[in-house]
């Protein structure tokens, strides 16, 4: 009889301990989600204030603010659906990208750019336009510039689109948008990239870009090959080529829709 009582007590203790741990873990998980959503909401509200209170004074700033407004609307929709930390993180990423467009618009209008924005290694590794380029590819004219001009009103803050880096800069056309929407680059994309960025410092070559490399990754792979390493086997394939940024840019991921 005494043994049975001891066993019952032990079972009660084990079950009670399991219930306590489950509740504790659930509470901790909810707290992390609440913290992530609060962080994202802070940036979303900051973006909303800028979008609602700024008016572009020229084509470049107007376009940048229109792109910022798209991110604001997308981030707001994502926030309504966010049920996990990852989803809250995607809200934050979208809001931050919108703030980069706001920053570009402010600079285009000669205004103070405002406080620093959160750093993104992928955005930095994608490089930036450092010189003016004007090219014709397959009957279409394209221009790129480090600064806004009447011919280059479309800004991109830099980052990965469909697994490949797109440099920060001002462009005559948003040549990355078809890949952003479709999740894949067209057949002529490498030719366009090569014509527009060939020889520009800090930007990958066209062949490396096609494999998903940033400029620094390309250099590292070349050194590994020279030293007899096998980095190329991993880096040239899915690890760099697929990437998450194309989805994280609210085009895919958990939310399904973007622009």
C-alpha atoms as a PDB file:
ATOM      1  CA  UNK A   1       0.000   0.000   0.000  1.00  0.00           C
ATOM      2  CA  UNK A   2       2.817   2.350   0.908  1.00  0.00           C
ATOM      3  CA  UNK A   3       4.563   1.629  -2.390  1.00  0.00           C
ATOM      4  CA  UNK A   4       1.415   2.465  -4.344  1.00  0.00           C
ATOM      5  CA  UNK A   5       1.072   5.787  -2.542  1.00  0.00           C
ATOM      6  CA  UNK A   6       4.681   6.638  -3.293  1.00  0.00           C
ATOM      7  CA  UNK A   7       4.157   5.817  -6.971  1.00  0.00           C
ATOM      8  CA  UNK A   8       1.030   7.977  -7.114  1.00  0.00           C
ATOM      9  CA  UNK A   9       2.868  10.873  -5.520  1.00  0.00           C
ATOM     10  CA  UNK A  10       5.736  10.492  -7.983  1.00  0.00           C
ATOM     11  CA  UNK A  11       3.340  10.460 -10.945  1.00  0.00           C
ATOM     12  CA  UNK A  12       1.583  13.564  -9.645  1.00  0.00           C
ATOM     13  CA  UNK A  13       4.930  15.319  -9.198  1.00  0.00           C
ATOM     14  CA  UNK A  14       6.103  14.357 -12.700  1.00  0.00           C
ATOM     15  CA  UNK A  15       2.856  15.420 -14.349  1.00  0.00           C
ATOM     16  CA  UNK A  16       2.739  18.613 -12.329  1.00  0.00           C
ATOM     17  CA  UNK A  17       6.345  19.396 -13.196  1.00  0.00           C
ATOM     18  CA  UNK A  18       5.660  18.784 -16.878  1.00  0.00           C
ATOM     19  CA  UNK A  19       2.646  21.080 -16.829  1.00  0.00           C
ATOM     20  CA  UNK A  20       4.652  23.764 -15.033  1.00  0.00           C
ATOM     21  CA  UNK A  21       7.523  23.570 -17.538  1.00  0.00           C
ATOM     22  CA  UNK A  22       5.121  23.618 -20.491  1.00  0.00           C
ATOM     23  CA  UNK A  23       3.404  26.723 -19.147  1.00  0.00           C
ATOM     24  CA  UNK A  24       6.729  28.370 -18.385  1.00  0.00           C
ATOM     25  CA  UNK A  25       8.020  27.659 -21.894  1.00  0.00           C
ATOM     26  CA  UNK A  26       4.785  28.901 -23.460  1.00  0.00           C
ATOM     27  CA  UNK A  27       4.965  32.098 -21.409  1.00  0.00           C
ATOM     28  CA  UNK A  28       8.606  32.640 -22.405  1.00  0.00           C
ATOM     29  CA  UNK A  29       7.764  32.026 -26.066  1.00  0.00           C
ATOM     30  CA  UNK A  30       4.881  34.493 -25.899  1.00  0.00           C
ATOM     31  CA  UNK A  31       7.125  37.060 -24.251  1.00  0.00           C
ATOM     32  CA  UNK A  32       9.707  36.698 -27.025  1.00  0.00           C
ATOM     33  CA  UNK A  33       6.972  37.126 -29.623  1.00  0.00           C
ATOM     34  CA  UNK A  34       5.601  40.182 -27.823  1.00  0.00           C
ATOM     35  CA  UNK A  35       9.107  41.689 -27.667  1.00  0.00           C
ATOM     36  CA  UNK A  36       9.731  40.986 -31.367  1.00  0.00           C
ATOM     37  CA  UNK A  37       6.390  42.516 -32.346  1.00  0.00           C
ATOM     38  CA  UNK A  38       7.034  45.572 -30.176  1.00  0.00           C
ATOM     39  CA  UNK A  39      10.424  46.060 -31.850  1.00  0.00           C
ATOM     40  CA  UNK A  40       8.855  45.723 -35.297  1.00  0.00           C
ATOM     41  CA  UNK A  41       5.940  47.997 -34.369  1.00  0.00           C
ATOM     42  CA  UNK A  42       8.337  50.732 -33.239  1.00  0.00           C
ATOM     43  CA  UNK A  43       9.990  50.780 -36.664  1.00  0.00           C
ATOM     44  CA  UNK A  44       6.662  50.458 -38.447  1.00  0.00           C
ATOM     45  CA  UNK A  45       5.316  53.516 -36.607  1.00  0.00           C
ATOM     46  CA  UNK A  46       8.494  55.421 -37.395  1.00  0.00           C
ATOM     47  CA  UNK A  47       8.076  54.549 -41.065  1.00  0.00           C
ATOM     48  CA  UNK A  48       4.421  55.558 -41.022  1.00  0.00           C
ATOM     49  CA  UNK A  49       5.219  58.943 -39.538  1.00  0.00           C
ATOM     50  CA  UNK A  50       7.722  59.652 -42.292  1.00  0.00           C
ATOM     51  CA  UNK A  51       5.474  58.421 -45.101  1.00  0.00           C
ATOM     52  CA  UNK A  52       2.516  60.471 -43.900  1.00  0.00           C
ATOM     53  CA  UNK A  53       4.439  63.682 -43.253  1.00  0.00           C
ATOM     54  CA  UNK A  54       6.850  63.892 -46.181  1.00  0.00           C
ATOM     55  CA  UNK A  55       6.031  65.070 -49.688  1.00  0.00           C
ATOM     56  CA  UNK A  56       8.503  64.567 -52.506  1.00  0.00           C
ATOM     57  CA  UNK A  57       9.805  67.653 -54.244  1.00  0.00           C
ATOM     58  CA  UNK A  58      11.054  65.938 -57.406  1.00  0.00           C
ATOM     59  CA  UNK A  59      10.592  62.709 -59.333  1.00  0.00           C
ATOM     60  CA  UNK A  60      13.316  60.812 -57.447  1.00  0.00           C
ATOM     61  CA  UNK A  61      12.059  61.707 -53.965  1.00  0.00           C
ATOM     62  CA  UNK A  62       8.437  61.117 -54.974  1.00  0.00           C
ATOM     63  CA  UNK A  63       9.294  57.652 -56.297  1.00  0.00           C
ATOM     64  CA  UNK A  64      11.329  56.787 -53.201  1.00  0.00           C
ATOM     65  CA  UNK A  65       8.458  57.846 -50.945  1.00  0.00           C
ATOM     66  CA  UNK A  66       6.012  55.826 -53.044  1.00  0.00           C
ATOM     67  CA  UNK A  67       8.233  52.774 -52.549  1.00  0.00           C
ATOM     68  CA  UNK A  68       8.436  53.547 -48.835  1.00  0.00           C
ATOM     69  CA  UNK A  69       4.627  53.689 -48.694  1.00  0.00           C
ATOM     70  CA  UNK A  70       4.432  50.264 -50.357  1.00  0.00           C
ATOM     71  CA  UNK A  71       6.700  48.844 -47.658  1.00  0.00           C
ATOM     72  CA  UNK A  72       4.633  50.525 -44.971  1.00  0.00           C
ATOM     73  CA  UNK A  73       1.421  48.955 -46.266  1.00  0.00           C
ATOM     74  CA  UNK A  74       3.080  45.562 -46.666  1.00  0.00           C
ATOM     75  CA  UNK A  75       4.588  45.658 -43.180  1.00  0.00           C
ATOM     76  CA  UNK A  76       1.225  46.642 -41.712  1.00  0.00           C
ATOM     77  CA  UNK A  77      -0.420  43.663 -43.378  1.00  0.00           C
ATOM     78  CA  UNK A  78       2.364  41.384 -42.168  1.00  0.00           C
ATOM     79  CA  UNK A  79       1.988  42.682 -38.613  1.00  0.00           C
ATOM     80  CA  UNK A  80      -1.698  41.766 -38.583  1.00  0.00           C
ATOM     81  CA  UNK A  81      -0.784  38.181 -39.476  1.00  0.00           C
ATOM     82  CA  UNK A  82       2.359  37.799 -37.353  1.00  0.00           C
ATOM     83  CA  UNK A  83       2.050  34.830 -34.977  1.00  0.00           C
ATOM     84  CA  UNK A  84       5.719  33.821 -34.633  1.00  0.00           C
ATOM     85  CA  UNK A  85       9.036  35.504 -33.919  1.00  0.00           C
ATOM     86  CA  UNK A  86      10.123  34.853 -37.500  1.00  0.00           C
ATOM     87  CA  UNK A  87       7.056  36.568 -38.873  1.00  0.00           C
ATOM     88  CA  UNK A  88       7.650  39.542 -36.553  1.00  0.00           C
ATOM     89  CA  UNK A  89      11.242  39.670 -37.785  1.00  0.00           C
ATOM     90  CA  UNK A  90      10.005  39.874 -41.378  1.00  0.00           C
ATOM     91  CA  UNK A  91       7.780  42.801 -40.394  1.00  0.00           C
ATOM     92  CA  UNK A  92      10.844  44.549 -39.009  1.00  0.00           C
ATOM     93  CA  UNK A  93      12.855  43.852 -42.181  1.00  0.00           C
ATOM     94  CA  UNK A  94      10.122  45.283 -44.371  1.00  0.00           C
ATOM     95  CA  UNK A  95       9.805  48.379 -42.186  1.00  0.00           C
ATOM     96  CA  UNK A  96      13.569  48.915 -42.187  1.00  0.00           C
ATOM     97  CA  UNK A  97      13.669  48.667 -45.968  1.00  0.00           C
ATOM     98  CA  UNK A  98      10.912  51.267 -46.129  1.00  0.00           C
ATOM     99  CA  UNK A  99      12.986  53.536 -43.900  1.00  0.00           C
ATOM    100  CA  UNK A 100      15.905  53.192 -46.305  1.00  0.00           C
ATOM    101  CA  UNK A 101      13.638  54.513 -49.051  1.00  0.00           C
ATOM    102  CA  UNK A 102      12.622  57.387 -46.776  1.00  0.00           C
ATOM    103  CA  UNK A 103      16.274  58.125 -46.099  1.00  0.00           C
ATOM    104  CA  UNK A 104      16.968  58.194 -49.843  1.00  0.00           C
ATOM    105  CA  UNK A 105      14.033  60.549 -50.414  1.00  0.00           C
ATOM    106  CA  UNK A 106      15.253  62.911 -47.694  1.00  0.00           C
ATOM    107  CA  UNK A 107      18.736  62.986 -49.181  1.00  0.00           C
ATOM    108  CA  UNK A 108      17.296  63.598 -52.655  1.00  0.00           C
ATOM    109  CA  UNK A 109      15.467  66.622 -51.249  1.00  0.00           C
ATOM    110  CA  UNK A 110      18.583  67.923 -49.514  1.00  0.00           C
ATOM    111  CA  UNK A 111      17.244  67.134 -46.051  1.00  0.00           C
ATOM    112  CA  UNK A 112      18.984  65.597 -43.072  1.00  0.00           C
ATOM    113  CA  UNK A 113      18.787  61.798 -43.548  1.00  0.00           C
ATOM    114  CA  UNK A 114      17.714  61.230 -39.963  1.00  0.00           C
ATOM    115  CA  UNK A 115      18.927  58.674 -37.387  1.00  0.00           C
ATOM    116  CA  UNK A 116      21.055  55.710 -38.426  1.00  0.00           C
ATOM    117  CA  UNK A 117      19.170  52.600 -39.491  1.00  0.00           C
ATOM    118  CA  UNK A 118      19.808  48.994 -38.428  1.00  0.00           C
ATOM    119  CA  UNK A 119      22.670  47.433 -40.366  1.00  0.00           C
ATOM    120  CA  UNK A 120      22.058  44.530 -42.703  1.00  0.00           C
ATOM    121  CA  UNK A 121      25.157  42.528 -43.764  1.00  0.00           C
ATOM    122  CA  UNK A 122      23.454  41.337 -46.958  1.00  0.00           C
ATOM    123  CA  UNK A 123      22.605  44.905 -47.909  1.00  0.00           C
ATOM    124  CA  UNK A 124      26.185  45.992 -47.299  1.00  0.00           C
ATOM    125  CA  UNK A 125      27.709  42.985 -49.049  1.00  0.00           C
ATOM    126  CA  UNK A 126      25.655  43.625 -52.181  1.00  0.00           C
ATOM    127  CA  UNK A 127      27.793  46.711 -52.832  1.00  0.00           C
ATOM    128  CA  UNK A 128      26.744  50.065 -54.175  1.00  0.00           C
ATOM    129  CA  UNK A 129      26.825  52.010 -57.410  1.00  0.00           C
ATOM    130  CA  UNK A 130      29.949  54.180 -57.293  1.00  0.00           C
ATOM    131  CA  UNK A 131      29.936  55.651 -60.794  1.00  0.00           C
ATOM    132  CA  UNK A 132      27.466  56.639 -63.479  1.00  0.00           C
ATOM    133  CA  UNK A 133      26.694  53.977 -66.096  1.00  0.00           C
ATOM    134  CA  UNK A 134      24.600  54.138 -69.256  1.00  0.00           C
ATOM    135  CA  UNK A 135      24.082  50.897 -71.197  1.00  0.00           C
ATOM    136  CA  UNK A 136      21.849  49.393 -73.849  1.00  0.00           C
ATOM    137  CA  UNK A 137      20.894  45.745 -73.425  1.00  0.00           C
ATOM    138  CA  UNK A 138      18.646  43.846 -75.810  1.00  0.00           C
ATOM    139  CA  UNK A 139      17.156  47.039 -77.187  1.00  0.00           C
ATOM    140  CA  UNK A 140      16.457  48.538 -73.753  1.00  0.00           C
ATOM    141  CA  UNK A 141      18.295  51.525 -72.275  1.00  0.00           C
ATOM    142  CA  UNK A 142      19.407  51.475 -68.637  1.00  0.00           C
ATOM    143  CA  UNK A 143      21.236  53.946 -66.433  1.00  0.00           C
ATOM    144  CA  UNK A 144      22.703  53.683 -62.950  1.00  0.00           C
ATOM    145  CA  UNK A 145      24.021  56.423 -60.686  1.00  0.00           C
ATOM    146  CA  UNK A 146      25.250  56.799 -57.098  1.00  0.00           C
ATOM    147  CA  UNK A 147      23.011  59.870 -56.762  1.00  0.00           C
ATOM    148  CA  UNK A 148      19.455  60.676 -57.832  1.00  0.00           C
ATOM    149  CA  UNK A 149      19.056  62.357 -61.207  1.00  0.00           C
ATOM    150  CA  UNK A 150      16.162  63.068 -63.515  1.00  0.00           C
ATOM    151  CA  UNK A 151      17.169  59.979 -65.501  1.00  0.00           C
ATOM    152  CA  UNK A 152      17.649  57.707 -62.469  1.00  0.00           C
ATOM    153  CA  UNK A 153      14.648  58.181 -60.157  1.00  0.00           C
ATOM    154  CA  UNK A 154      14.367  54.572 -58.942  1.00  0.00           C
ATOM    155  CA  UNK A 155      16.253  53.810 -55.748  1.00  0.00           C
ATOM    156  CA  UNK A 156      17.201  50.424 -54.340  1.00  0.00           C
ATOM    157  CA  UNK A 157      18.791  50.173 -50.870  1.00  0.00           C
ATOM    158  CA  UNK A 158      20.838  47.092 -51.729  1.00  0.00           C
ATOM    159  CA  UNK A 159      20.314  43.474 -50.782  1.00  0.00           C
ATOM    160  CA  UNK A 160      19.372  40.132 -52.258  1.00  0.00           C
ATOM    161  CA  UNK A 161      16.573  39.567 -54.699  1.00  0.00           C
ATOM    162  CA  UNK A 162      15.821  35.962 -55.645  1.00  0.00           C
ATOM    163  CA  UNK A 163      19.156  34.889 -54.188  1.00  0.00           C
ATOM    164  CA  UNK A 164      21.377  37.393 -55.993  1.00  0.00           C
ATOM    165  CA  UNK A 165      22.815  40.719 -54.799  1.00  0.00           C
ATOM    166  CA  UNK A 166      21.431  43.973 -56.169  1.00  0.00           C
ATOM    167  CA  UNK A 167      23.721  46.953 -55.444  1.00  0.00           C
ATOM    168  CA  UNK A 168      22.467  50.041 -53.679  1.00  0.00           C
ATOM    169  CA  UNK A 169      21.959  52.941 -56.049  1.00  0.00           C
ATOM    170  CA  UNK A 170      19.660  54.957 -58.278  1.00  0.00           C
ATOM    171  CA  UNK A 171      18.455  53.464 -61.556  1.00  0.00           C
ATOM    172  CA  UNK A 172      16.516  54.499 -64.615  1.00  0.00           C
ATOM    173  CA  UNK A 173      14.374  51.383 -64.320  1.00  0.00           C
ATOM    174  CA  UNK A 174      13.627  49.031 -61.392  1.00  0.00           C
ATOM    175  CA  UNK A 175      15.300  46.169 -63.261  1.00  0.00           C
ATOM    176  CA  UNK A 176      15.182  43.912 -60.176  1.00  0.00           C
ATOM    177  CA  UNK A 177      11.386  44.041 -59.779  1.00  0.00           C
ATOM    178  CA  UNK A 178      10.465  41.196 -62.150  1.00  0.00           C
ATOM    179  CA  UNK A 179      12.717  38.871 -60.117  1.00  0.00           C
ATOM    180  CA  UNK A 180      11.246  40.227 -56.880  1.00  0.00           C
ATOM    181  CA  UNK A 181       7.734  39.400 -58.056  1.00  0.00           C
ATOM    182  CA  UNK A 182       8.495  36.105 -59.799  1.00  0.00           C
ATOM    183  CA  UNK A 183      11.138  34.884 -57.344  1.00  0.00           C
ATOM    184  CA  UNK A 184      13.533  34.114 -60.209  1.00  0.00           C
ATOM    185  CA  UNK A 185      15.687  36.044 -62.659  1.00  0.00           C
ATOM    186  CA  UNK A 186      15.058  36.120 -66.399  1.00  0.00           C
ATOM    187  CA  UNK A 187      17.400  34.797 -69.053  1.00  0.00           C
ATOM    188  CA  UNK A 188      18.886  38.189 -69.907  1.00  0.00           C
ATOM    189  CA  UNK A 189      19.584  39.219 -66.314  1.00  0.00           C
ATOM    190  CA  UNK A 190      23.268  38.217 -66.314  1.00  0.00           C
ATOM    191  CA  UNK A 191      23.870  40.164 -69.533  1.00  0.00           C
ATOM    192  CA  UNK A 192      22.250  43.247 -68.011  1.00  0.00           C
ATOM    193  CA  UNK A 193      24.226  42.907 -64.793  1.00  0.00           C
ATOM    194  CA  UNK A 194      27.470  42.489 -66.700  1.00  0.00           C
ATOM    195  CA  UNK A 195      26.862  45.518 -68.913  1.00  0.00           C
ATOM    196  CA  UNK A 196      25.828  47.736 -66.019  1.00  0.00           C
ATOM    197  CA  UNK A 197      28.404  46.799 -63.381  1.00  0.00           C
ATOM    198  CA  UNK A 198      31.431  45.314 -65.161  1.00  0.00           C
ATOM    199  CA  UNK A 199      34.609  46.589 -63.510  1.00  0.00           C
ATOM    200  CA  UNK A 200      32.793  48.576 -60.808  1.00  0.00           C
ATOM    201  CA  UNK A 201      34.636  48.293 -57.480  1.00  0.00           C
ATOM    202  CA  UNK A 202      32.978  46.265 -54.730  1.00  0.00           C
ATOM    203  CA  UNK A 203      30.504  44.488 -57.008  1.00  0.00           C
ATOM    204  CA  UNK A 204      30.702  40.873 -58.091  1.00  0.00           C
ATOM    205  CA  UNK A 205      31.382  39.849 -61.670  1.00  0.00           C
ATOM    206  CA  UNK A 206      28.447  38.701 -63.774  1.00  0.00           C
ATOM    207  CA  UNK A 207      29.406  35.018 -63.547  1.00  0.00           C
ATOM    208  CA  UNK A 208      29.791  35.249 -59.764  1.00  0.00           C
ATOM    209  CA  UNK A 209      26.507  37.160 -59.527  1.00  0.00           C
ATOM    210  CA  UNK A 210      24.749  34.431 -61.487  1.00  0.00           C
ATOM    211  CA  UNK A 211      25.973  31.928 -58.882  1.00  0.00           C
ATOM    212  CA  UNK A 212      24.752  34.118 -56.056  1.00  0.00           C
ATOM    213  CA  UNK A 213      28.115  35.472 -54.901  1.00  0.00           C
ATOM    214  CA  UNK A 214      28.775  38.852 -53.417  1.00  0.00           C
ATOM    215  CA  UNK A 215      32.091  40.434 -54.413  1.00  0.00           C
ATOM    216  CA  UNK A 216      33.801  39.375 -51.189  1.00  0.00           C
ATOM    217  CA  UNK A 217      32.559  35.809 -51.514  1.00  0.00           C
ATOM    218  CA  UNK A 218      33.892  35.703 -55.050  1.00  0.00           C
ATOM    219  CA  UNK A 219      37.343  36.743 -53.835  1.00  0.00           C
ATOM    220  CA  UNK A 220      37.252  34.176 -51.032  1.00  0.00           C
ATOM    221  CA  UNK A 221      36.279  31.414 -53.440  1.00  0.00           C
ATOM    222  CA  UNK A 222      39.109  32.368 -55.779  1.00  0.00           C
ATOM    223  CA  UNK A 223      41.586  32.192 -52.894  1.00  0.00           C
ATOM    224  CA  UNK A 224      40.203  28.827 -51.816  1.00  0.00           C
ATOM    225  CA  UNK A 225      40.540  27.456 -55.343  1.00  0.00           C
ATOM    226  CA  UNK A 226      44.085  28.766 -55.566  1.00  0.00           C
ATOM    227  CA  UNK A 227      44.927  27.059 -52.287  1.00  0.00           C
ATOM    228  CA  UNK A 228      43.376  23.774 -53.273  1.00  0.00           C
ATOM    229  CA  UNK A 229      40.241  24.242 -51.142  1.00  0.00           C
ATOM    230  CA  UNK A 230      36.750  23.185 -52.138  1.00  0.00           C
ATOM    231  CA  UNK A 231      34.734  26.231 -51.084  1.00  0.00           C
ATOM    232  CA  UNK A 232      33.417  26.601 -54.583  1.00  0.00           C
ATOM    233  CA  UNK A 233      31.470  23.377 -54.293  1.00  0.00           C
ATOM    234  CA  UNK A 234      29.392  24.712 -51.421  1.00  0.00           C
ATOM    235  CA  UNK A 235      29.312  28.416 -52.193  1.00  0.00           C
ATOM    236  CA  UNK A 236      28.461  28.066 -55.852  1.00  0.00           C
ATOM    237  CA  UNK A 237      25.380  26.050 -55.138  1.00  0.00           C
ATOM    238  CA  UNK A 238      22.399  26.352 -52.898  1.00  0.00           C
ATOM    239  CA  UNK A 239      23.916  27.977 -49.833  1.00  0.00           C
ATOM    240  CA  UNK A 240      24.537  31.341 -51.440  1.00  0.00           C
ATOM    241  CA  UNK A 241      22.423  31.040 -54.568  1.00  0.00           C
ATOM    242  CA  UNK A 242      19.129  30.428 -52.852  1.00  0.00           C
ATOM    243  CA  UNK A 243      19.285  32.884 -50.030  1.00  0.00           C
ATOM    244  CA  UNK A 244      16.391  34.103 -47.946  1.00  0.00           C
ATOM    245  CA  UNK A 245      16.409  37.774 -48.795  1.00  0.00           C
ATOM    246  CA  UNK A 246      14.239  37.461 -51.865  1.00  0.00           C
ATOM    247  CA  UNK A 247      11.559  35.964 -49.659  1.00  0.00           C
ATOM    248  CA  UNK A 248      12.352  38.181 -46.713  1.00  0.00           C
ATOM    249  CA  UNK A 249      11.708  41.204 -48.860  1.00  0.00           C
ATOM    250  CA  UNK A 250       8.056  40.418 -48.235  1.00  0.00           C
ATOM    251  CA  UNK A 251       7.758  38.765 -51.626  1.00  0.00           C
ATOM    252  CA  UNK A 252       7.427  35.286 -50.169  1.00  0.00           C
ATOM    253  CA  UNK A 253       8.276  33.761 -46.800  1.00  0.00           C
ATOM    254  CA  UNK A 254       5.419  33.186 -44.415  1.00  0.00           C
ATOM    255  CA  UNK A 255       3.230  35.987 -45.637  1.00  0.00           C
ATOM    256  CA  UNK A 256       2.827  34.968 -49.229  1.00  0.00           C
ATOM    257  CA  UNK A 257       2.326  38.406 -50.734  1.00  0.00           C
ATOM    258  CA  UNK A 258       4.373  41.495 -51.122  1.00  0.00           C
ATOM    259  CA  UNK A 259       3.889  44.534 -53.297  1.00  0.00           C
END
